Amino acid sequence: LEFTKLKNNQEGVDPDDVYSQIPYEKGFQFLWRIE
């Protein structure tokens, strides 16, 4: 579940392995919530 967070810990993790829609879509939802 660490990689379902917007701000997450990637020490020892290949960023290509955890690439997903979460930073895109959860990030969008966060900003849309504030709007």
ModelCIF file with pLDDT and N, C-alpha, C, O atoms, coordinates in Angstrom:
data_MODEL
#
_entry.id   MODEL 
#
_entity.id                         1 
_entity.type                       polymer 
_entity.pdbx_number_of_molecules   1 
#
_entity_poly.entity_id                      1 
_entity_poly.type                           'polypeptide(L)' 
_entity_poly.nstd_linkage                   no 
_entity_poly.nstd_monomer                   no 
_entity_poly.pdbx_seq_one_letter_code       LEFTKLKNNQEGVDPDDVYSQIPYEKGFQFLWRIE 
_entity_poly.pdbx_seq_one_letter_code_can   LEFTKLKNNQEGVDPDDVYSQIPYEKGFQFLWRIE 
_entity_poly.pdbx_strand_id                 A 
#
loop_
_entity_poly_seq.entity_id 
_entity_poly_seq.num 
_entity_poly_seq.mon_id 
_entity_poly_seq.hetero 
1 1  LEU n 
1 2  GLU n 
1 3  PHE n 
1 4  THR n 
1 5  LYS n 
1 6  LEU n 
1 7  LYS n 
1 8  ASN n 
1 9  ASN n 
1 10 GLN n 
1 11 GLU n 
1 12 GLY n 
1 13 VAL n 
1 14 ASP n 
1 15 PRO n 
1 16 ASP n 
1 17 ASP n 
1 18 VAL n 
1 19 TYR n 
1 20 SER n 
1 21 GLN n 
1 22 ILE n 
1 23 PRO n 
1 24 TYR n 
1 25 GLU n 
1 26 LYS n 
1 27 GLY n 
1 28 PHE n 
1 29 GLN n 
1 30 PHE n 
1 31 LEU n 
1 32 TRP n 
1 33 ARG n 
1 34 ILE n 
1 35 GLU n 
#
_struct_asym.id          A 
_struct_asym.entity_id   1 
#
loop_
_ma_qa_metric.id 
_ma_qa_metric.mode 
_ma_qa_metric.name 
_ma_qa_metric.software_group_id 
_ma_qa_metric.type 
1 global pLDDT . pLDDT 
2 local  pLDDT . pLDDT 
#
_ma_qa_metric_global.metric_id      1 
_ma_qa_metric_global.metric_value   97.60 
_ma_qa_metric_global.model_id       1 
_ma_qa_metric_global.ordinal_id     1 
#
loop_
_ma_qa_metric_local.label_asym_id 
_ma_qa_metric_local.label_comp_id 
_ma_qa_metric_local.label_seq_id 
_ma_qa_metric_local.metric_id 
_ma_qa_metric_local.metric_value 
_ma_qa_metric_local.model_id 
_ma_qa_metric_local.ordinal_id 
A LEU 1  2 98.00 1 1  
A GLU 2  2 98.00 1 2  
A PHE 3  2 98.00 1 3  
A THR 4  2 98.00 1 4  
A LYS 5  2 98.00 1 5  
A LEU 6  2 98.00 1 6  
A LYS 7  2 98.00 1 7  
A ASN 8  2 98.00 1 8  
A ASN 9  2 98.00 1 9  
A GLN 10 2 98.00 1 10 
A GLU 11 2 97.00 1 11 
A GLY 12 2 97.00 1 12 
A VAL 13 2 97.00 1 13 
A ASP 14 2 97.00 1 14 
A PRO 15 2 97.00 1 15 
A ASP 16 2 96.00 1 16 
A ASP 17 2 95.00 1 17 
A VAL 18 2 96.00 1 18 
A TYR 19 2 97.00 1 19 
A SER 20 2 97.00 1 20 
A GLN 21 2 98.00 1 21 
A ILE 22 2 98.00 1 22 
A PRO 23 2 98.00 1 23 
A TYR 24 2 98.00 1 24 
A GLU 25 2 98.00 1 25 
A LYS 26 2 98.00 1 26 
A GLY 27 2 98.00 1 27 
A PHE 28 2 98.00 1 28 
A GLN 29 2 98.00 1 29 
A PHE 30 2 98.00 1 30 
A LEU 31 2 98.00 1 31 
A TRP 32 2 98.00 1 32 
A ARG 33 2 98.00 1 33 
A ILE 34 2 98.00 1 34 
A GLU 35 2 98.00 1 35 
#
loop_
_atom_site.group_PDB 
_atom_site.id 
_atom_site.type_symbol 
_atom_site.label_atom_id 
_atom_site.label_alt_id 
_atom_site.label_comp_id 
_atom_site.label_asym_id 
_atom_site.label_entity_id 
_atom_site.label_seq_id 
_atom_site.pdbx_PDB_ins_code 
_atom_site.Cartn_x 
_atom_site.Cartn_y 
_atom_site.Cartn_z 
_atom_site.occupancy 
_atom_site.B_iso_or_equiv 
_atom_site.pdbx_formal_charge 
_atom_site.auth_seq_id 
_atom_site.auth_comp_id 
_atom_site.auth_asym_id 
_atom_site.auth_atom_id 
_atom_site.pdbx_PDB_model_num 
ATOM 1   N N  . LEU A 1 1  ? 0.800   -1.224 0.000   1.00 98.00 ? 1  LEU A N  1 
ATOM 2   C CA . LEU A 1 1  ? 0.000   0.000  0.000   1.00 98.00 ? 1  LEU A CA 1 
ATOM 3   C C  . LEU A 1 1  ? 0.831   1.272  0.000   1.00 98.00 ? 1  LEU A C  1 
ATOM 4   O O  . LEU A 1 1  ? 0.304   2.354  -0.257  1.00 98.00 ? 1  LEU A O  1 
ATOM 5   N N  . GLU A 1 2  ? 2.127   1.156  0.285   1.00 98.00 ? 2  GLU A N  1 
ATOM 6   C CA . GLU A 1 2  ? 2.999   2.332  0.244   1.00 98.00 ? 2  GLU A CA 1 
ATOM 7   C C  . GLU A 1 2  ? 2.870   3.056  -1.092  1.00 98.00 ? 2  GLU A C  1 
ATOM 8   O O  . GLU A 1 2  ? 2.930   4.284  -1.152  1.00 98.00 ? 2  GLU A O  1 
ATOM 9   N N  . PHE A 1 3  ? 2.692   2.284  -2.164  1.00 98.00 ? 3  PHE A N  1 
ATOM 10  C CA . PHE A 1 3  ? 2.682   2.889  -3.496  1.00 98.00 ? 3  PHE A CA 1 
ATOM 11  C C  . PHE A 1 3  ? 1.288   3.324  -3.940  1.00 98.00 ? 3  PHE A C  1 
ATOM 12  O O  . PHE A 1 3  ? 1.071   3.677  -5.099  1.00 98.00 ? 3  PHE A O  1 
ATOM 13  N N  . THR A 1 4  ? 0.342   3.291  -2.987  1.00 98.00 ? 4  THR A N  1 
ATOM 14  C CA . THR A 1 4  ? -0.949  3.946  -3.219  1.00 98.00 ? 4  THR A CA 1 
ATOM 15  C C  . THR A 1 4  ? -0.980  5.327  -2.569  1.00 98.00 ? 4  THR A C  1 
ATOM 16  O O  . THR A 1 4  ? -1.984  6.034  -2.660  1.00 98.00 ? 4  THR A O  1 
ATOM 17  N N  . LYS A 1 5  ? 0.128   5.719  -1.906  1.00 98.00 ? 5  LYS A N  1 
ATOM 18  C CA . LYS A 1 5  ? 0.249   7.071  -1.360  1.00 98.00 ? 5  LYS A CA 1 
ATOM 19  C C  . LYS A 1 5  ? 0.722   8.025  -2.450  1.00 98.00 ? 5  LYS A C  1 
ATOM 20  O O  . LYS A 1 5  ? 1.385   7.605  -3.398  1.00 98.00 ? 5  LYS A O  1 
ATOM 21  N N  . LEU A 1 6  ? 0.387   9.296  -2.321  1.00 98.00 ? 6  LEU A N  1 
ATOM 22  C CA . LEU A 1 6  ? 0.953   10.285 -3.235  1.00 98.00 ? 6  LEU A CA 1 
ATOM 23  C C  . LEU A 1 6  ? 2.423   10.513 -2.903  1.00 98.00 ? 6  LEU A C  1 
ATOM 24  O O  . LEU A 1 6  ? 3.274   10.424 -3.788  1.00 98.00 ? 6  LEU A O  1 
ATOM 25  N N  . LYS A 1 7  ? 2.729   10.801 -1.655  1.00 98.00 ? 7  LYS A N  1 
ATOM 26  C CA . LYS A 1 7  ? 4.112   10.931 -1.205  1.00 98.00 ? 7  LYS A CA 1 
ATOM 27  C C  . LYS A 1 7  ? 4.512   9.583  -0.612  1.00 98.00 ? 7  LYS A C  1 
ATOM 28  O O  . LYS A 1 7  ? 3.947   9.146  0.390   1.00 98.00 ? 7  LYS A O  1 
ATOM 29  N N  . ASN A 1 8  ? 5.498   8.920  -1.242  1.00 98.00 ? 8  ASN A N  1 
ATOM 30  C CA . ASN A 1 8  ? 5.821   7.566  -0.802  1.00 98.00 ? 8  ASN A CA 1 
ATOM 31  C C  . ASN A 1 8  ? 7.326   7.358  -0.686  1.00 98.00 ? 8  ASN A C  1 
ATOM 32  O O  . ASN A 1 8  ? 8.120   8.176  -1.152  1.00 98.00 ? 8  ASN A O  1 
ATOM 33  N N  . ASN A 1 9  ? 7.697   6.265  -0.064  1.00 98.00 ? 9  ASN A N  1 
ATOM 34  C CA . ASN A 1 9  ? 9.097   5.921  0.166   1.00 98.00 ? 9  ASN A CA 1 
ATOM 35  C C  . ASN A 1 9  ? 9.560   4.965  -0.927  1.00 98.00 ? 9  ASN A C  1 
ATOM 36  O O  . ASN A 1 9  ? 9.047   3.852  -1.040  1.00 98.00 ? 9  ASN A O  1 
ATOM 37  N N  . GLN A 1 10 ? 10.546  5.405  -1.747  1.00 98.00 ? 10 GLN A N  1 
ATOM 38  C CA . GLN A 1 10 ? 11.026  4.568  -2.834  1.00 98.00 ? 10 GLN A CA 1 
ATOM 39  C C  . GLN A 1 10 ? 12.486  4.142  -2.645  1.00 98.00 ? 10 GLN A C  1 
ATOM 40  O O  . GLN A 1 10 ? 13.158  3.787  -3.614  1.00 98.00 ? 10 GLN A O  1 
ATOM 41  N N  . GLU A 1 11 ? 12.966  4.175  -1.431  1.00 97.00 ? 11 GLU A N  1 
ATOM 42  C CA . GLU A 1 11 ? 14.323  3.700  -1.157  1.00 97.00 ? 11 GLU A CA 1 
ATOM 43  C C  . GLU A 1 11 ? 14.424  2.228  -1.554  1.00 97.00 ? 11 GLU A C  1 
ATOM 44  O O  . GLU A 1 11 ? 13.639  1.398  -1.097  1.00 97.00 ? 11 GLU A O  1 
ATOM 45  N N  . GLY A 1 12 ? 15.402  1.913  -2.413  1.00 97.00 ? 12 GLY A N  1 
ATOM 46  C CA . GLY A 1 12 ? 15.610  0.535  -2.843  1.00 97.00 ? 12 GLY A CA 1 
ATOM 47  C C  . GLY A 1 12 ? 14.585  0.026  -3.839  1.00 97.00 ? 12 GLY A C  1 
ATOM 48  O O  . GLY A 1 12 ? 14.476  -1.180 -4.058  1.00 97.00 ? 12 GLY A O  1 
ATOM 49  N N  . VAL A 1 13 ? 13.836  0.932  -4.442  1.00 97.00 ? 13 VAL A N  1 
ATOM 50  C CA . VAL A 1 13 ? 12.768  0.554  -5.379  1.00 97.00 ? 13 VAL A CA 1 
ATOM 51  C C  . VAL A 1 13 ? 13.056  1.159  -6.743  1.00 97.00 ? 13 VAL A C  1 
ATOM 52  O O  . VAL A 1 13 ? 13.401  2.336  -6.842  1.00 97.00 ? 13 VAL A O  1 
ATOM 53  N N  . ASP A 1 14 ? 12.916  0.364  -7.793  1.00 97.00 ? 14 ASP A N  1 
ATOM 54  C CA . ASP A 1 14 ? 13.068  0.871  -9.157  1.00 97.00 ? 14 ASP A CA 1 
ATOM 55  C C  . ASP A 1 14 ? 11.804  1.644  -9.525  1.00 97.00 ? 14 ASP A C  1 
ATOM 56  O O  . ASP A 1 14 ? 10.712  1.077  -9.478  1.00 97.00 ? 14 ASP A O  1 
ATOM 57  N N  . PRO A 1 15 ? 11.918  2.927  -9.892  1.00 97.00 ? 15 PRO A N  1 
ATOM 58  C CA . PRO A 1 15 ? 10.706  3.693  -10.203 1.00 97.00 ? 15 PRO A CA 1 
ATOM 59  C C  . PRO A 1 15 ? 9.917   3.108  -11.371 1.00 97.00 ? 15 PRO A C  1 
ATOM 60  O O  . PRO A 1 15 ? 8.704   3.306  -11.440 1.00 97.00 ? 15 PRO A O  1 
ATOM 61  N N  . ASP A 1 16 ? 10.561  2.400  -12.283 1.00 96.00 ? 16 ASP A N  1 
ATOM 62  C CA . ASP A 1 16 ? 9.821   1.771  -13.377 1.00 96.00 ? 16 ASP A CA 1 
ATOM 63  C C  . ASP A 1 16 ? 8.906   0.660  -12.864 1.00 96.00 ? 16 ASP A C  1 
ATOM 64  O O  . ASP A 1 16 ? 7.866   0.391  -13.465 1.00 96.00 ? 16 ASP A O  1 
ATOM 65  N N  . ASP A 1 17 ? 9.284   0.012  -11.752 1.00 95.00 ? 17 ASP A N  1 
ATOM 66  C CA . ASP A 1 17 ? 8.488   -1.091 -11.217 1.00 95.00 ? 17 ASP A CA 1 
ATOM 67  C C  . ASP A 1 17 ? 7.212   -0.602 -10.539 1.00 95.00 ? 17 ASP A C  1 
ATOM 68  O O  . ASP A 1 17 ? 6.231   -1.341 -10.460 1.00 95.00 ? 17 ASP A O  1 
ATOM 69  N N  . VAL A 1 18 ? 7.217   0.635  -10.048 1.00 96.00 ? 18 VAL A N  1 
ATOM 70  C CA . VAL A 1 18 ? 6.042   1.122  -9.315  1.00 96.00 ? 18 VAL A CA 1 
ATOM 71  C C  . VAL A 1 18 ? 5.299   2.214  -10.091 1.00 96.00 ? 18 VAL A C  1 
ATOM 72  O O  . VAL A 1 18 ? 4.435   2.901  -9.546  1.00 96.00 ? 18 VAL A O  1 
ATOM 73  N N  . TYR A 1 19 ? 5.648   2.359  -11.367 1.00 97.00 ? 19 TYR A N  1 
ATOM 74  C CA . TYR A 1 19 ? 4.927   3.315  -12.220 1.00 97.00 ? 19 TYR A CA 1 
ATOM 75  C C  . TYR A 1 19 ? 3.473   2.865  -12.333 1.00 97.00 ? 19 TYR A C  1 
ATOM 76  O O  . TYR A 1 19 ? 3.193   1.692  -12.579 1.00 97.00 ? 19 TYR A O  1 
ATOM 77  N N  . SER A 1 20 ? 2.552   3.809  -12.152 1.00 97.00 ? 20 SER A N  1 
ATOM 78  C CA . SER A 1 20 ? 1.127   3.475  -12.199 1.00 97.00 ? 20 SER A CA 1 
ATOM 79  C C  . SER A 1 20 ? 0.320   4.740  -12.449 1.00 97.00 ? 20 SER A C  1 
ATOM 80  O O  . SER A 1 20 ? 0.877   5.826  -12.607 1.00 97.00 ? 20 SER A O  1 
ATOM 81  N N  . GLN A 1 21 ? -1.001  4.582  -12.482 1.00 98.00 ? 21 GLN A N  1 
ATOM 82  C CA . GLN A 1 21 ? -1.905  5.713  -12.644 1.00 98.00 ? 21 GLN A CA 1 
ATOM 83  C C  . GLN A 1 21 ? -2.147  6.460  -11.333 1.00 98.00 ? 21 GLN A C  1 
ATOM 84  O O  . GLN A 1 21 ? -2.785  7.513  -11.339 1.00 98.00 ? 21 GLN A O  1 
ATOM 85  N N  . ILE A 1 22 ? -1.656  5.942  -10.223 1.00 98.00 ? 22 ILE A N  1 
ATOM 86  C CA . ILE A 1 22 ? -1.975  6.546  -8.924  1.00 98.00 ? 22 ILE A CA 1 
ATOM 87  C C  . ILE A 1 22 ? -1.483  7.982  -8.807  1.00 98.00 ? 22 ILE A C  1 
ATOM 88  O O  . ILE A 1 22 ? -2.275  8.843  -8.423  1.00 98.00 ? 22 ILE A O  1 
ATOM 89  N N  . PRO A 1 23 ? -0.203  8.302  -9.119  1.00 98.00 ? 23 PRO A N  1 
ATOM 90  C CA . PRO A 1 23 ? 0.196   9.712  -9.009  1.00 98.00 ? 23 PRO A CA 1 
ATOM 91  C C  . PRO A 1 23 ? -0.584  10.616 -9.963  1.00 98.00 ? 23 PRO A C  1 
ATOM 92  O O  . PRO A 1 23 ? -0.797  11.791 -9.664  1.00 98.00 ? 23 PRO A O  1 
ATOM 93  N N  . TYR A 1 24 ? -1.008  10.084 -11.100 1.00 98.00 ? 24 TYR A N  1 
ATOM 94  C CA . TYR A 1 24 ? -1.808  10.850 -12.053 1.00 98.00 ? 24 TYR A CA 1 
ATOM 95  C C  . TYR A 1 24 ? -3.224  11.081 -11.505 1.00 98.00 ? 24 TYR A C  1 
ATOM 96  O O  . TYR A 1 24 ? -3.681  12.216 -11.371 1.00 98.00 ? 24 TYR A O  1 
ATOM 97  N N  . GLU A 1 25 ? -3.894  9.979  -11.197 1.00 98.00 ? 25 GLU A N  1 
ATOM 98  C CA . GLU A 1 25 ? -5.333  10.057 -10.922 1.00 98.00 ? 25 GLU A CA 1 
ATOM 99  C C  . GLU A 1 25 ? -5.659  10.397 -9.472  1.00 98.00 ? 25 GLU A C  1 
ATOM 100 O O  . GLU A 1 25 ? -6.617  11.128 -9.219  1.00 98.00 ? 25 GLU A O  1 
ATOM 101 N N  . LYS A 1 26 ? -4.895  9.890  -8.525  1.00 98.00 ? 26 LYS A N  1 
ATOM 102 C CA . LYS A 1 26 ? -5.119  10.307 -7.140  1.00 98.00 ? 26 LYS A CA 1 
ATOM 103 C C  . LYS A 1 26 ? -4.665  11.746 -6.969  1.00 98.00 ? 26 LYS A C  1 
ATOM 104 O O  . LYS A 1 26 ? -5.285  12.521 -6.241  1.00 98.00 ? 26 LYS A O  1 
ATOM 105 N N  . GLY A 1 27 ? -3.557  12.104 -7.657  1.00 98.00 ? 27 GLY A N  1 
ATOM 106 C CA . GLY A 1 27 ? -3.128  13.501 -7.632  1.00 98.00 ? 27 GLY A CA 1 
ATOM 107 C C  . GLY A 1 27 ? -4.177  14.423 -8.217  1.00 98.00 ? 27 GLY A C  1 
ATOM 108 O O  . GLY A 1 27 ? -4.458  15.484 -7.661  1.00 98.00 ? 27 GLY A O  1 
ATOM 109 N N  . PHE A 1 28 ? -4.762  14.020 -9.348  1.00 98.00 ? 28 PHE A N  1 
ATOM 110 C CA . PHE A 1 28 ? -5.853  14.802 -9.947  1.00 98.00 ? 28 PHE A CA 1 
ATOM 111 C C  . PHE A 1 28 ? -7.020  14.921 -8.968  1.00 98.00 ? 28 PHE A C  1 
ATOM 112 O O  . PHE A 1 28 ? -7.555  16.010 -8.760  1.00 98.00 ? 28 PHE A O  1 
ATOM 113 N N  . GLN A 1 29 ? -7.410  13.800 -8.372  1.00 98.00 ? 29 GLN A N  1 
ATOM 114 C CA . GLN A 1 29 ? -8.550  13.808 -7.452  1.00 98.00 ? 29 GLN A CA 1 
ATOM 115 C C  . GLN A 1 29 ? -8.311  14.742 -6.273  1.00 98.00 ? 29 GLN A C  1 
ATOM 116 O O  . GLN A 1 29 ? -9.238  15.411 -5.814  1.00 98.00 ? 29 GLN A O  1 
ATOM 117 N N  . PHE A 1 30 ? -7.071  14.794 -5.777  1.00 98.00 ? 30 PHE A N  1 
ATOM 118 C CA . PHE A 1 30 ? -6.714  15.684 -4.665  1.00 98.00 ? 30 PHE A CA 1 
ATOM 119 C C  . PHE A 1 30 ? -6.938  17.140 -5.062  1.00 98.00 ? 30 PHE A C  1 
ATOM 120 O O  . PHE A 1 30 ? -7.572  17.901 -4.330  1.00 98.00 ? 30 PHE A O  1 
ATOM 121 N N  . LEU A 1 31 ? -6.418  17.519 -6.217  1.00 98.00 ? 31 LEU A N  1 
ATOM 122 C CA . LEU A 1 31 ? -6.566  18.906 -6.660  1.00 98.00 ? 31 LEU A CA 1 
ATOM 123 C C  . LEU A 1 31 ? -8.020  19.228 -6.990  1.00 98.00 ? 31 LEU A C  1 
ATOM 124 O O  . LEU A 1 31 ? -8.491  20.334 -6.723  1.00 98.00 ? 31 LEU A O  1 
ATOM 125 N N  . TRP A 1 32 ? -8.719  18.279 -7.560  1.00 98.00 ? 32 TRP A N  1 
ATOM 126 C CA . TRP A 1 32 ? -10.142 18.464 -7.882  1.00 98.00 ? 32 TRP A CA 1 
ATOM 127 C C  . TRP A 1 32 ? -10.948 18.630 -6.594  1.00 98.00 ? 32 TRP A C  1 
ATOM 128 O O  . TRP A 1 32 ? -11.906 19.401 -6.547  1.00 98.00 ? 32 TRP A O  1 
ATOM 129 N N  . ARG A 1 33 ? -10.550 17.899 -5.551  1.00 98.00 ? 33 ARG A N  1 
ATOM 130 C CA . ARG A 1 33 ? -11.227 18.024 -4.255  1.00 98.00 ? 33 ARG A CA 1 
ATOM 131 C C  . ARG A 1 33 ? -11.072 19.443 -3.710  1.00 98.00 ? 33 ARG A C  1 
ATOM 132 O O  . ARG A 1 33 ? -12.023 20.013 -3.176  1.00 98.00 ? 33 ARG A O  1 
ATOM 133 N N  . ILE A 1 34 ? -9.880  20.007 -3.844  1.00 98.00 ? 34 ILE A N  1 
ATOM 134 C CA . ILE A 1 34 ? -9.651  21.363 -3.354  1.00 98.00 ? 34 ILE A CA 1 
ATOM 135 C C  . ILE A 1 34 ? -10.425 22.361 -4.212  1.00 98.00 ? 34 ILE A C  1 
ATOM 136 O O  . ILE A 1 34 ? -11.003 23.315 -3.692  1.00 98.00 ? 34 ILE A O  1 
ATOM 137 N N  . GLU A 1 35 ? -10.435 22.138 -5.527  1.00 98.00 ? 35 GLU A N  1 
ATOM 138 C CA . GLU A 1 35 ? -11.217 23.031 -6.397  1.00 98.00 ? 35 GLU A CA 1 
ATOM 139 C C  . GLU A 1 35 ? -12.688 23.043 -5.987  1.00 98.00 ? 35 GLU A C  1 
ATOM 140 O O  . GLU A 1 35 ? -13.496 23.736 -6.606  1.00 98.00 ? 35 GLU A O  1 
#
